[in-house]
Amino acid sequence: MKGKIINYRRGRKTEYTNQYVVEIEGVKNREDAENYLGKKVVWTTSSGKRIIGKITRVHGKKGAVIARFSKGLPGQAIGSSINVEE
């Protein structure tokens, strides 16, 4: 299943650079997004390296989720696509 990285998880003064807000295709509300908790997400670099993260929580009421990576992704990952594995 495909998704899109929207931005870092952030507050007014802080940025969590290893946590990202992700929109998953076909997910429109909070109840649907809760089914993806604990699933793995994979971002692939242009050279083919796979960076794996995990969906940890729901973000908001429109179906976005928070994905957490161990080290974080490079800045060019924002706006790119991501794969959600079952």
Protein backbone atom coordinates (compact mmCIF):
# COMPACT_ATOMS: atom_id res chain seq x y z
CA MET A 1 0.00 0.00 0.00
CA LYS A 2 1.27 3.47 -0.86
CA GLY A 3 1.52 6.54 1.31
CA LYS A 4 3.00 10.03 1.20
CA ILE A 5 5.27 11.77 3.70
CA ILE A 6 3.72 15.13 4.57
CA ASN A 7 6.08 16.67 7.12
CA TYR A 8 7.95 16.14 10.37
CA ARG A 9 5.94 15.76 13.53
CA ARG A 10 6.37 19.19 15.05
CA GLY A 11 5.14 21.69 17.56
CA ARG A 12 5.42 25.41 17.62
CA LYS A 13 9.05 25.42 18.72
CA THR A 14 10.23 21.82 18.33
CA GLU A 15 10.72 19.45 15.42
CA TYR A 16 10.92 15.67 15.85
CA THR A 17 13.17 14.76 12.94
CA ASN A 18 12.76 11.00 13.33
CA GLN A 19 8.93 11.13 13.30
CA TYR A 20 6.91 11.90 10.18
CA VAL A 21 3.27 12.57 9.39
CA VAL A 22 2.19 10.13 6.68
CA GLU A 23 -1.04 10.05 4.63
CA ILE A 24 -1.99 6.55 3.47
CA GLU A 25 -3.99 6.16 0.25
CA GLY A 26 -7.60 5.19 0.84
CA VAL A 27 -7.62 6.11 4.54
CA LYS A 28 -10.11 8.90 5.22
CA ASN A 29 -10.81 8.81 8.97
CA ARG A 30 -9.29 7.99 12.34
CA GLU A 31 -10.97 4.59 12.66
CA ASP A 32 -9.45 3.35 9.38
CA ALA A 33 -6.02 4.67 10.36
CA GLU A 34 -6.06 2.74 13.65
CA ASN A 35 -5.91 -0.51 11.63
CA TYR A 36 -2.37 0.40 10.51
CA LEU A 37 -0.83 0.81 13.97
CA GLY A 38 2.28 -1.34 14.32
CA LYS A 39 2.75 -1.84 10.57
CA LYS A 40 6.13 -1.27 8.95
CA VAL A 41 6.79 1.54 6.50
CA VAL A 42 9.64 1.52 3.99
CA TRP A 43 11.23 4.53 2.29
CA THR A 44 13.57 3.68 -0.58
CA THR A 45 16.47 5.95 -1.50
CA SER A 46 17.40 6.71 -5.08
CA SER A 47 20.29 4.24 -4.79
CA GLY A 48 17.91 1.48 -3.65
CA LYS A 49 18.68 1.45 0.08
CA ARG A 50 15.60 0.68 2.20
CA ILE A 51 15.00 2.58 5.43
CA ILE A 52 12.40 0.92 7.64
CA GLY A 53 10.16 2.57 10.22
CA LYS A 54 7.01 1.77 12.18
CA ILE A 55 3.57 3.40 12.46
CA THR A 56 3.16 4.36 16.10
CA ARG A 57 0.02 6.49 16.40
CA VAL A 58 -2.79 8.29 14.61
CA HIS A 59 -2.42 11.99 13.82
CA GLY A 60 -5.62 14.01 13.73
CA LYS A 61 -9.05 12.94 12.53
CA LYS A 62 -8.54 12.71 8.76
CA GLY A 63 -6.58 9.47 8.69
CA ALA A 64 -2.96 10.63 8.91
CA VAL A 65 -0.52 8.57 11.00
CA ILE A 66 2.84 9.13 12.67
CA ALA A 67 5.69 6.93 11.43
CA ARG A 68 8.82 6.66 13.54
CA PHE A 69 12.27 5.84 12.16
CA SER A 70 15.32 4.99 14.27
CA LYS A 71 17.61 7.71 12.87
CA GLY A 72 15.35 9.77 10.65
CA LEU A 73 15.21 10.38 6.92
CA PRO A 74 16.96 12.99 4.78
CA GLY A 75 15.11 16.21 4.02
CA GLN A 76 14.35 15.23 0.43
CA ALA A 77 12.08 12.46 1.79
CA ILE A 78 9.38 15.02 2.62
CA GLY A 79 6.77 14.94 -0.13
CA SER A 80 7.92 11.59 -1.50
CA SER A 81 6.09 8.27 -1.50
CA ILE A 82 6.43 5.50 1.03
CA ASN A 83 5.35 1.85 1.12
CA VAL A 84 3.24 0.46 3.96
CA GLU A 85 3.80 -3.28 4.40
CA GLU A 86 1.08 -5.56 5.72
